[in-house]
C-alpha atoms as a PDB file:
ATOM      1  CA  UNK A   1      32.217 -18.636 -31.510  1.00  0.00           C
ATOM      2  CA  UNK A   2      34.001 -15.331 -32.123  1.00  0.00           C
ATOM      3  CA  UNK A   3      32.108 -14.585 -35.412  1.00  0.00           C
ATOM      4  CA  UNK A   4      28.785 -15.005 -33.532  1.00  0.00           C
ATOM      5  CA  UNK A   5      29.615 -12.401 -30.885  1.00  0.00           C
ATOM      6  CA  UNK A   6      28.762  -9.335 -33.082  1.00  0.00           C
ATOM      7  CA  UNK A   7      25.521 -11.032 -34.203  1.00  0.00           C
ATOM      8  CA  UNK A   8      24.575 -11.841 -30.610  1.00  0.00           C
ATOM      9  CA  UNK A   9      25.329  -8.240 -29.535  1.00  0.00           C
ATOM     10  CA  UNK A  10      23.164  -6.874 -32.341  1.00  0.00           C
ATOM     11  CA  UNK A  11      20.274  -9.192 -31.412  1.00  0.00           C
ATOM     12  CA  UNK A  12      20.580  -8.130 -27.774  1.00  0.00           C
ATOM     13  CA  UNK A  13      20.369  -4.440 -28.740  1.00  0.00           C
ATOM     14  CA  UNK A  14      17.247  -5.060 -30.851  1.00  0.00           C
ATOM     15  CA  UNK A  15      15.644  -7.112 -28.081  1.00  0.00           C
ATOM     16  CA  UNK A  16      16.293  -4.426 -25.453  1.00  0.00           C
ATOM     17  CA  UNK A  17      15.005  -1.686 -27.748  1.00  0.00           C
ATOM     18  CA  UNK A  18      11.862  -3.716 -28.459  1.00  0.00           C
ATOM     19  CA  UNK A  19      11.176  -4.289 -24.775  1.00  0.00           C
ATOM     20  CA  UNK A  20      11.550  -0.584 -24.009  1.00  0.00           C
ATOM     21  CA  UNK A  21       8.814   0.288 -26.506  1.00  0.00           C
ATOM     22  CA  UNK A  22       6.310  -1.984 -24.732  1.00  0.00           C
ATOM     23  CA  UNK A  23       6.473  -0.343 -21.319  1.00  0.00           C
ATOM     24  CA  UNK A  24       3.580   1.613 -19.894  1.00  0.00           C
ATOM     25  CA  UNK A  25       4.284   4.983 -18.304  1.00  0.00           C
ATOM     26  CA  UNK A  26       2.576   4.581 -14.930  1.00  0.00           C
ATOM     27  CA  UNK A  27       3.902   7.852 -13.577  1.00  0.00           C
ATOM     28  CA  UNK A  28       1.509   9.986 -15.590  1.00  0.00           C
ATOM     29  CA  UNK A  29      -0.939  12.312 -13.920  1.00  0.00           C
ATOM     30  CA  UNK A  30      -4.576  11.764 -12.941  1.00  0.00           C
ATOM     31  CA  UNK A  31      -5.670  10.886 -16.479  1.00  0.00           C
ATOM     32  CA  UNK A  32      -3.764   7.608 -16.176  1.00  0.00           C
ATOM     33  CA  UNK A  33      -5.816   6.737 -13.080  1.00  0.00           C
ATOM     34  CA  UNK A  34      -8.999   6.856 -15.113  1.00  0.00           C
ATOM     35  CA  UNK A  35      -7.424   4.571 -17.715  1.00  0.00           C
ATOM     36  CA  UNK A  36      -5.693   2.167 -15.310  1.00  0.00           C
ATOM     37  CA  UNK A  37      -8.238   2.022 -12.496  1.00  0.00           C
ATOM     38  CA  UNK A  38     -11.845   1.409 -13.403  1.00  0.00           C
ATOM     39  CA  UNK A  39     -14.148   4.230 -12.415  1.00  0.00           C
ATOM     40  CA  UNK A  40     -16.557   1.689 -10.915  1.00  0.00           C
ATOM     41  CA  UNK A  41     -15.216  -0.302  -7.989  1.00  0.00           C
ATOM     42  CA  UNK A  42     -14.468  -3.875  -9.177  1.00  0.00           C
ATOM     43  CA  UNK A  43     -16.408  -6.704  -7.510  1.00  0.00           C
ATOM     44  CA  UNK A  44     -13.170  -8.232  -6.198  1.00  0.00           C
ATOM     45  CA  UNK A  45     -11.783  -5.003  -4.699  1.00  0.00           C
ATOM     46  CA  UNK A  46     -10.156  -5.738  -1.349  1.00  0.00           C
ATOM     47  CA  UNK A  47      -7.187  -4.427   0.596  1.00  0.00           C
ATOM     48  CA  UNK A  48      -5.113  -4.999   3.665  1.00  0.00           C
ATOM     49  CA  UNK A  49      -2.821  -2.567   5.391  1.00  0.00           C
ATOM     50  CA  UNK A  50      -0.469  -3.519   8.231  1.00  0.00           C
ATOM     51  CA  UNK A  51       1.072  -0.537   9.978  1.00  0.00           C
ATOM     52  CA  UNK A  52       2.433   0.987  13.144  1.00  0.00           C
ATOM     53  CA  UNK A  53       5.467   0.008  15.189  1.00  0.00           C
ATOM     54  CA  UNK A  54       6.572  -3.381  13.823  1.00  0.00           C
ATOM     55  CA  UNK A  55       3.449  -3.429  11.626  1.00  0.00           C
ATOM     56  CA  UNK A  56       1.248  -4.917  14.362  1.00  0.00           C
ATOM     57  CA  UNK A  57      -1.982  -3.046  13.523  1.00  0.00           C
ATOM     58  CA  UNK A  58      -3.969  -4.242  10.544  1.00  0.00           C
ATOM     59  CA  UNK A  59      -7.124  -3.673   8.553  1.00  0.00           C
ATOM     60  CA  UNK A  60      -7.735  -6.688   6.307  1.00  0.00           C
ATOM     61  CA  UNK A  61     -10.800  -6.750   4.048  1.00  0.00           C
ATOM     62  CA  UNK A  62      -9.686 -10.044   2.458  1.00  0.00           C
ATOM     63  CA  UNK A  63     -10.299 -11.783   5.811  1.00  0.00           C
ATOM     64  CA  UNK A  64     -12.718  -9.170   7.240  1.00  0.00           C
ATOM     65  CA  UNK A  65     -10.501  -8.616  10.284  1.00  0.00           C
ATOM     66  CA  UNK A  66      -8.865  -5.828  12.225  1.00  0.00           C
ATOM     67  CA  UNK A  67      -5.861  -6.236  14.512  1.00  0.00           C
ATOM     68  CA  UNK A  68      -5.082  -3.923  17.406  1.00  0.00           C
ATOM     69  CA  UNK A  69      -1.576  -3.564  18.858  1.00  0.00           C
ATOM     70  CA  UNK A  70      -1.779  -4.108  22.618  1.00  0.00           C
ATOM     71  CA  UNK A  71       1.945  -3.232  22.960  1.00  0.00           C
ATOM     72  CA  UNK A  72       3.201  -5.345  25.910  1.00  0.00           C
ATOM     73  CA  UNK A  73       0.203  -7.697  25.693  1.00  0.00           C
ATOM     74  CA  UNK A  74       0.599  -8.715  22.050  1.00  0.00           C
ATOM     75  CA  UNK A  75      -2.276  -8.112  19.666  1.00  0.00           C
ATOM     76  CA  UNK A  76      -6.042  -8.634  19.596  1.00  0.00           C
ATOM     77  CA  UNK A  77      -8.149  -9.351  16.537  1.00  0.00           C
ATOM     78  CA  UNK A  78     -11.819  -8.849  15.719  1.00  0.00           C
ATOM     79  CA  UNK A  79     -14.051  -9.574  12.761  1.00  0.00           C
ATOM     80  CA  UNK A  80     -15.072  -6.402  10.946  1.00  0.00           C
ATOM     81  CA  UNK A  81     -16.678  -5.985   7.539  1.00  0.00           C
ATOM     82  CA  UNK A  82     -16.935  -2.578   5.914  1.00  0.00           C
ATOM     83  CA  UNK A  83     -20.205  -1.626   4.269  1.00  0.00           C
ATOM     84  CA  UNK A  84     -20.385  -1.381   0.471  1.00  0.00           C
ATOM     85  CA  UNK A  85     -20.531   2.380   0.846  1.00  0.00           C
ATOM     86  CA  UNK A  86     -17.377   2.454   3.009  1.00  0.00           C
ATOM     87  CA  UNK A  87     -15.520   0.228   0.525  1.00  0.00           C
ATOM     88  CA  UNK A  88     -16.625   2.463  -2.371  1.00  0.00           C
ATOM     89  CA  UNK A  89     -15.363   5.512  -0.456  1.00  0.00           C
ATOM     90  CA  UNK A  90     -11.956   3.891   0.170  1.00  0.00           C
ATOM     91  CA  UNK A  91     -11.752   2.775  -3.472  1.00  0.00           C
ATOM     92  CA  UNK A  92     -12.495   6.316  -4.671  1.00  0.00           C
ATOM     93  CA  UNK A  93      -9.728   7.674  -2.428  1.00  0.00           C
ATOM     94  CA  UNK A  94      -7.233   5.098  -3.746  1.00  0.00           C
ATOM     95  CA  UNK A  95      -8.257   6.002  -7.289  1.00  0.00           C
ATOM     96  CA  UNK A  96      -7.681   9.682  -6.479  1.00  0.00           C
ATOM     97  CA  UNK A  97      -4.125   8.840  -5.357  1.00  0.00           C
ATOM     98  CA  UNK A  98      -3.686   6.908  -8.629  1.00  0.00           C
ATOM     99  CA  UNK A  99      -2.154   3.843  -6.956  1.00  0.00           C
ATOM    100  CA  UNK A 100      -1.555   1.895 -10.161  1.00  0.00           C
ATOM    101  CA  UNK A 101       1.185   4.196 -11.388  1.00  0.00           C
ATOM    102  CA  UNK A 102       4.756   4.005 -10.148  1.00  0.00           C
ATOM    103  CA  UNK A 103       4.605   5.473  -6.654  1.00  0.00           C
ATOM    104  CA  UNK A 104       7.198   7.634  -4.904  1.00  0.00           C
ATOM    105  CA  UNK A 105       7.672   5.858  -1.574  1.00  0.00           C
ATOM    106  CA  UNK A 106      11.174   7.138  -0.846  1.00  0.00           C
ATOM    107  CA  UNK A 107      11.983   8.646   2.580  1.00  0.00           C
ATOM    108  CA  UNK A 108      12.186  12.418   2.911  1.00  0.00           C
ATOM    109  CA  UNK A 109      15.630  12.331   4.492  1.00  0.00           C
ATOM    110  CA  UNK A 110      18.690  10.215   3.821  1.00  0.00           C
ATOM    111  CA  UNK A 111      21.255   9.576   6.532  1.00  0.00           C
ATOM    112  CA  UNK A 112      18.697   9.903   9.319  1.00  0.00           C
ATOM    113  CA  UNK A 113      17.610   6.949  11.425  1.00  0.00           C
ATOM    114  CA  UNK A 114      15.135   6.552  14.262  1.00  0.00           C
ATOM    115  CA  UNK A 115      13.874   3.730  16.462  1.00  0.00           C
ATOM    116  CA  UNK A 116      11.241   2.696  17.007  1.00  0.00           C
ATOM    117  CA  UNK A 117       9.703   3.553  13.664  1.00  0.00           C
ATOM    118  CA  UNK A 118       6.404   2.981  11.940  1.00  0.00           C
ATOM    119  CA  UNK A 119       6.080   0.842   8.867  1.00  0.00           C
ATOM    120  CA  UNK A 120       3.298   0.311   6.376  1.00  0.00           C
ATOM    121  CA  UNK A 121       2.476  -2.674   4.159  1.00  0.00           C
ATOM    122  CA  UNK A 122      -0.400  -2.408   1.670  1.00  0.00           C
ATOM    123  CA  UNK A 123      -1.955  -5.090  -0.510  1.00  0.00           C
ATOM    124  CA  UNK A 124      -4.690  -4.017  -2.883  1.00  0.00           C
ATOM    125  CA  UNK A 125      -6.669  -6.291  -5.183  1.00  0.00           C
ATOM    126  CA  UNK A 126      -8.336  -4.964  -8.348  1.00  0.00           C
ATOM    127  CA  UNK A 127      -9.693  -7.037 -11.228  1.00  0.00           C
ATOM    128  CA  UNK A 128      -7.877 -10.188 -10.124  1.00  0.00           C
ATOM    129  CA  UNK A 129      -4.470  -8.527  -9.650  1.00  0.00           C
ATOM    130  CA  UNK A 130      -2.743  -7.783  -6.358  1.00  0.00           C
ATOM    131  CA  UNK A 131      -0.557  -4.732  -5.920  1.00  0.00           C
ATOM    132  CA  UNK A 132       1.804  -4.336  -2.940  1.00  0.00           C
ATOM    133  CA  UNK A 133       3.376  -1.190  -1.469  1.00  0.00           C
ATOM    134  CA  UNK A 134       5.757  -1.071   1.512  1.00  0.00           C
ATOM    135  CA  UNK A 135       7.771   1.605   3.326  1.00  0.00           C
ATOM    136  CA  UNK A 136       8.906   2.628   6.767  1.00  0.00           C
ATOM    137  CA  UNK A 137       9.637   5.794   8.679  1.00  0.00           C
ATOM    138  CA  UNK A 138      13.024   4.508   9.833  1.00  0.00           C
ATOM    139  CA  UNK A 139      14.588   7.364   7.841  1.00  0.00           C
ATOM    140  CA  UNK A 140      12.657  10.017   9.787  1.00  0.00           C
ATOM    141  CA  UNK A 141       9.496  10.525   7.785  1.00  0.00           C
ATOM    142  CA  UNK A 142       7.809   9.967   4.467  1.00  0.00           C
ATOM    143  CA  UNK A 143       6.701  12.226   1.656  1.00  0.00           C
ATOM    144  CA  UNK A 144       5.078  12.024  -1.737  1.00  0.00           C
ATOM    145  CA  UNK A 145       2.804   9.066  -2.325  1.00  0.00           C
ATOM    146  CA  UNK A 146       3.745   7.368   0.966  1.00  0.00           C
ATOM    147  CA  UNK A 147       2.357  10.411   2.779  1.00  0.00           C
ATOM    148  CA  UNK A 148      -0.890  10.218   0.768  1.00  0.00           C
ATOM    149  CA  UNK A 149      -1.317   6.513   1.515  1.00  0.00           C
ATOM    150  CA  UNK A 150      -0.506   7.131   5.183  1.00  0.00           C
ATOM    151  CA  UNK A 151      -3.201   9.832   5.303  1.00  0.00           C
ATOM    152  CA  UNK A 152      -5.676   7.398   3.723  1.00  0.00           C
ATOM    153  CA  UNK A 153      -4.680   4.683   6.194  1.00  0.00           C
ATOM    154  CA  UNK A 154      -5.221   7.162   9.054  1.00  0.00           C
ATOM    155  CA  UNK A 155      -8.649   7.975   7.637  1.00  0.00           C
ATOM    156  CA  UNK A 156      -9.509   4.264   7.491  1.00  0.00           C
ATOM    157  CA  UNK A 157      -8.181   3.567  11.001  1.00  0.00           C
ATOM    158  CA  UNK A 158     -10.150   6.509  12.439  1.00  0.00           C
ATOM    159  CA  UNK A 159     -13.318   4.875  11.039  1.00  0.00           C
ATOM    160  CA  UNK A 160     -12.279   1.504  12.491  1.00  0.00           C
ATOM    161  CA  UNK A 161     -11.744   2.996  15.971  1.00  0.00           C
ATOM    162  CA  UNK A 162     -15.393   4.107  16.088  1.00  0.00           C
ATOM    163  CA  UNK A 163     -16.762   0.628  15.326  1.00  0.00           C
ATOM    164  CA  UNK A 164     -18.266  -1.547  18.043  1.00  0.00           C
ATOM    165  CA  UNK A 165     -15.940  -4.443  17.120  1.00  0.00           C
ATOM    166  CA  UNK A 166     -12.859  -2.317  17.777  1.00  0.00           C
ATOM    167  CA  UNK A 167     -14.233  -0.744  20.953  1.00  0.00           C
ATOM    168  CA  UNK A 168     -14.779  -4.224  22.423  1.00  0.00           C
ATOM    169  CA  UNK A 169     -11.075  -5.112  22.073  1.00  0.00           C
ATOM    170  CA  UNK A 170      -8.814  -4.880  25.175  1.00  0.00           C
ATOM    171  CA  UNK A 171      -6.924  -1.686  25.936  1.00  0.00           C
ATOM    172  CA  UNK A 172      -3.242  -1.462  25.016  1.00  0.00           C
ATOM    173  CA  UNK A 173      -0.771  -1.698  27.905  1.00  0.00           C
ATOM    174  CA  UNK A 174       2.616   0.048  27.840  1.00  0.00           C
ATOM    175  CA  UNK A 175       4.122   2.071  25.054  1.00  0.00           C
ATOM    176  CA  UNK A 176       7.010   2.402  22.642  1.00  0.00           C
ATOM    177  CA  UNK A 177      10.032   4.545  23.430  1.00  0.00           C
END
């Protein structure tokens, strides 16, 4: 067994070096977005984003639903389907962020903690593949790519709040301290 140890070590080094050469740098700038994300929105493009305190709010285009946090009265759900134009707009904004590269979702501050805190859970489907992104504001805020996705989510939710389906949902009761 002892004579095989140097051979095994050498094979391991070659294997690790070979694997390193096959990685794709997904942290490149906007040019990588054009390569990694099709310019045209794929037919199967869909997304869901759960967010807010305990992640109770949701926009889900897989199921064509929205969920409103009613705080002390649970949640309420409605059927809502975005138009093709709205989906194309959201896709273009995701493409602008370049979501297929390695994202910086780290908190701005370390050693800081707050409760309650908002959290965000994204699932995005493109060309048959699902991509997931999660983070929270437990550490007192977000920056980088998390901030960009949060701004996009706010943009989407503002559109949702103007829709008849959302306006027909019950009002929230109570609040979070």
